[in-house]
Amino acid sequence: MIPFLGLAGPVAGCIGGALIVAPVAALAGTIVVGGGALVVLGIQYFNTINSPFVAPAPAA
């Protein structure tokens, strides 16, 4: 029973630390990657809406 009690503390601390750190890391990753994607997609959007429309050639 004593070795189990010696192992329970670090295991509980690891799980508790992971529950605190995981949401923070996920949010940071979303901001970093999402911010870059937002810039790229915004540029692509404005290029699309500002380019002239060219109708496709009629099918023969």
N, C-alpha and C. Protein backbone atom coordinates (compact mmCIF):
# COMPACT_ATOMS: atom_id res chain seq x y z
N MET A 1 0.83 -1.20 0.00
CA MET A 1 0.00 0.00 0.00
C MET A 1 0.87 1.26 0.00
N ILE A 2 1.99 1.20 0.68
CA ILE A 2 2.85 2.38 0.76
C ILE A 2 3.42 2.77 -0.61
N PRO A 3 3.91 1.83 -1.45
CA PRO A 3 4.40 2.26 -2.77
C PRO A 3 3.31 2.91 -3.62
N PHE A 4 2.07 2.43 -3.48
CA PHE A 4 0.98 3.04 -4.24
C PHE A 4 0.77 4.49 -3.82
N LEU A 5 0.85 4.76 -2.54
CA LEU A 5 0.67 6.14 -2.06
C LEU A 5 1.82 7.02 -2.54
N GLY A 6 3.00 6.45 -2.66
CA GLY A 6 4.13 7.22 -3.15
C GLY A 6 4.00 7.55 -4.63
N LEU A 7 3.24 6.75 -5.36
CA LEU A 7 3.04 6.97 -6.78
C LEU A 7 1.83 7.87 -7.06
N ALA A 8 0.90 7.89 -6.13
CA ALA A 8 -0.35 8.63 -6.36
C ALA A 8 -0.11 10.14 -6.45
N GLY A 9 0.80 10.65 -5.68
CA GLY A 9 1.06 12.10 -5.68
C GLY A 9 1.57 12.60 -7.02
N PRO A 10 2.63 12.02 -7.55
CA PRO A 10 3.12 12.47 -8.87
C PRO A 10 2.11 12.26 -9.99
N VAL A 11 1.37 11.15 -9.94
CA VAL A 11 0.37 10.91 -10.98
C VAL A 11 -0.72 11.97 -10.92
N ALA A 12 -1.21 12.27 -9.73
CA ALA A 12 -2.24 13.30 -9.58
C ALA A 12 -1.70 14.66 -10.01
N GLY A 13 -0.46 14.94 -9.67
CA GLY A 13 0.13 16.21 -10.08
C GLY A 13 0.29 16.31 -11.58
N CYS A 14 0.67 15.22 -12.22
CA CYS A 14 0.82 15.22 -13.68
C CYS A 14 -0.52 15.45 -14.36
N ILE A 15 -1.55 14.74 -13.89
CA ILE A 15 -2.87 14.90 -14.50
C ILE A 15 -3.40 16.31 -14.25
N GLY A 16 -3.24 16.80 -13.05
CA GLY A 16 -3.69 18.16 -12.74
C GLY A 16 -2.97 19.21 -13.57
N GLY A 17 -1.66 19.05 -13.72
CA GLY A 17 -0.90 19.99 -14.53
C GLY A 17 -1.30 19.94 -15.99
N ALA A 18 -1.57 18.74 -16.49
CA ALA A 18 -1.98 18.61 -17.89
C ALA A 18 -3.34 19.26 -18.12
N LEU A 19 -4.24 19.15 -17.15
CA LEU A 19 -5.56 19.77 -17.29
C LEU A 19 -5.48 21.30 -17.27
N ILE A 20 -4.45 21.83 -16.64
CA ILE A 20 -4.29 23.30 -16.61
C ILE A 20 -3.57 23.78 -17.87
N VAL A 21 -2.54 23.07 -18.31
CA VAL A 21 -1.70 23.53 -19.41
C VAL A 21 -2.32 23.27 -20.77
N ALA A 22 -3.04 22.17 -20.94
CA ALA A 22 -3.57 21.79 -22.26
C ALA A 22 -4.49 22.86 -22.86
N PRO A 23 -5.46 23.41 -22.13
CA PRO A 23 -6.31 24.45 -22.74
C PRO A 23 -5.53 25.71 -23.11
N VAL A 24 -4.55 26.06 -22.31
CA VAL A 24 -3.74 27.25 -22.60
C VAL A 24 -2.93 27.03 -23.87
N ALA A 25 -2.33 25.85 -24.02
CA ALA A 25 -1.54 25.55 -25.21
C ALA A 25 -2.44 25.47 -26.45
N ALA A 26 -3.63 24.91 -26.30
CA ALA A 26 -4.55 24.82 -27.43
C ALA A 26 -4.99 26.21 -27.88
N LEU A 27 -5.28 27.08 -26.93
CA LEU A 27 -5.69 28.44 -27.27
C LEU A 27 -4.55 29.21 -27.94
N ALA A 28 -3.35 29.05 -27.44
CA ALA A 28 -2.20 29.73 -28.05
C ALA A 28 -1.97 29.22 -29.47
N GLY A 29 -2.09 27.93 -29.69
CA GLY A 29 -1.92 27.37 -31.03
C GLY A 29 -2.98 27.87 -31.98
N THR A 30 -4.21 27.99 -31.49
CA THR A 30 -5.29 28.50 -32.33
C THR A 30 -5.04 29.95 -32.72
N ILE A 31 -4.56 30.75 -31.80
CA ILE A 31 -4.29 32.16 -32.08
C ILE A 31 -3.15 32.28 -33.09
N VAL A 32 -2.08 31.54 -32.89
CA VAL A 32 -0.90 31.66 -33.77
C VAL A 32 -1.23 31.17 -35.18
N VAL A 33 -1.76 29.96 -35.29
CA VAL A 33 -2.04 29.38 -36.61
C VAL A 33 -3.26 30.06 -37.23
N GLY A 34 -4.29 30.29 -36.45
CA GLY A 34 -5.50 30.93 -36.96
C GLY A 34 -5.25 32.36 -37.41
N GLY A 35 -4.37 33.07 -36.72
CA GLY A 35 -4.05 34.44 -37.11
C GLY A 35 -3.37 34.49 -38.46
N GLY A 36 -2.42 33.60 -38.69
CA GLY A 36 -1.75 33.54 -39.99
C GLY A 36 -2.71 33.16 -41.11
N ALA A 37 -3.57 32.18 -40.83
CA ALA A 37 -4.55 31.77 -41.84
C ALA A 37 -5.53 32.89 -42.13
N LEU A 38 -5.92 33.63 -41.11
CA LEU A 38 -6.85 34.74 -41.31
C LEU A 38 -6.26 35.80 -42.22
N VAL A 39 -4.99 36.11 -42.07
CA VAL A 39 -4.33 37.09 -42.93
C VAL A 39 -4.29 36.59 -44.37
N VAL A 40 -3.87 35.35 -44.57
CA VAL A 40 -3.75 34.80 -45.92
C VAL A 40 -5.12 34.73 -46.59
N LEU A 41 -6.12 34.24 -45.88
CA LEU A 41 -7.46 34.14 -46.46
C LEU A 41 -8.08 35.51 -46.70
N GLY A 42 -7.77 36.47 -45.85
CA GLY A 42 -8.26 37.83 -46.08
C GLY A 42 -7.68 38.43 -47.35
N ILE A 43 -6.39 38.25 -47.58
CA ILE A 43 -5.76 38.75 -48.81
C ILE A 43 -6.37 38.06 -50.02
N GLN A 44 -6.58 36.76 -49.94
CA GLN A 44 -7.17 36.01 -51.05
C GLN A 44 -8.59 36.50 -51.32
N TYR A 45 -9.35 36.77 -50.26
CA TYR A 45 -10.72 37.26 -50.42
C TYR A 45 -10.74 38.60 -51.15
N PHE A 46 -9.90 39.55 -50.71
CA PHE A 46 -9.90 40.87 -51.34
C PHE A 46 -9.38 40.81 -52.78
N ASN A 47 -8.43 39.92 -53.05
CA ASN A 47 -7.99 39.74 -54.43
C ASN A 47 -9.13 39.21 -55.30
N THR A 48 -9.94 38.33 -54.74
CA THR A 48 -11.05 37.75 -55.49
C THR A 48 -12.13 38.78 -55.78
N ILE A 49 -12.53 39.55 -54.77
CA ILE A 49 -13.64 40.48 -54.99
C ILE A 49 -13.22 41.69 -55.81
N ASN A 50 -11.94 41.97 -55.89
CA ASN A 50 -11.48 43.13 -56.65
C ASN A 50 -11.03 42.77 -58.07
N SER A 51 -11.03 41.48 -58.42
CA SER A 51 -10.63 41.10 -59.77
C SER A 51 -11.85 41.13 -60.68
N PRO A 52 -11.68 41.51 -61.93
CA PRO A 52 -12.82 41.58 -62.85
C PRO A 52 -13.36 40.19 -63.16
N PHE A 53 -14.66 40.12 -63.38
CA PHE A 53 -15.28 38.85 -63.72
C PHE A 53 -15.10 38.59 -65.21
N VAL A 54 -14.62 37.41 -65.55
CA VAL A 54 -14.45 37.00 -66.95
C VAL A 54 -15.37 35.80 -67.14
N ALA A 55 -16.36 35.96 -68.00
CA ALA A 55 -17.30 34.89 -68.25
C ALA A 55 -16.62 33.75 -69.00
N PRO A 56 -16.98 32.53 -68.69
CA PRO A 56 -16.38 31.41 -69.42
C PRO A 56 -16.89 31.37 -70.86
N ALA A 57 -16.08 30.82 -71.74
CA ALA A 57 -16.47 30.71 -73.15
C ALA A 57 -17.66 29.76 -73.26
N PRO A 58 -18.59 30.06 -74.14
CA PRO A 58 -19.74 29.16 -74.29
C PRO A 58 -19.33 27.80 -74.83
N ALA A 59 -19.97 26.78 -74.35
CA ALA A 59 -19.67 25.42 -74.79
C ALA A 59 -20.22 25.19 -76.19
N ALA A 60 -19.44 24.54 -77.02
CA ALA A 60 -19.86 24.31 -78.41
C ALA A 60 -20.79 23.13 -78.53
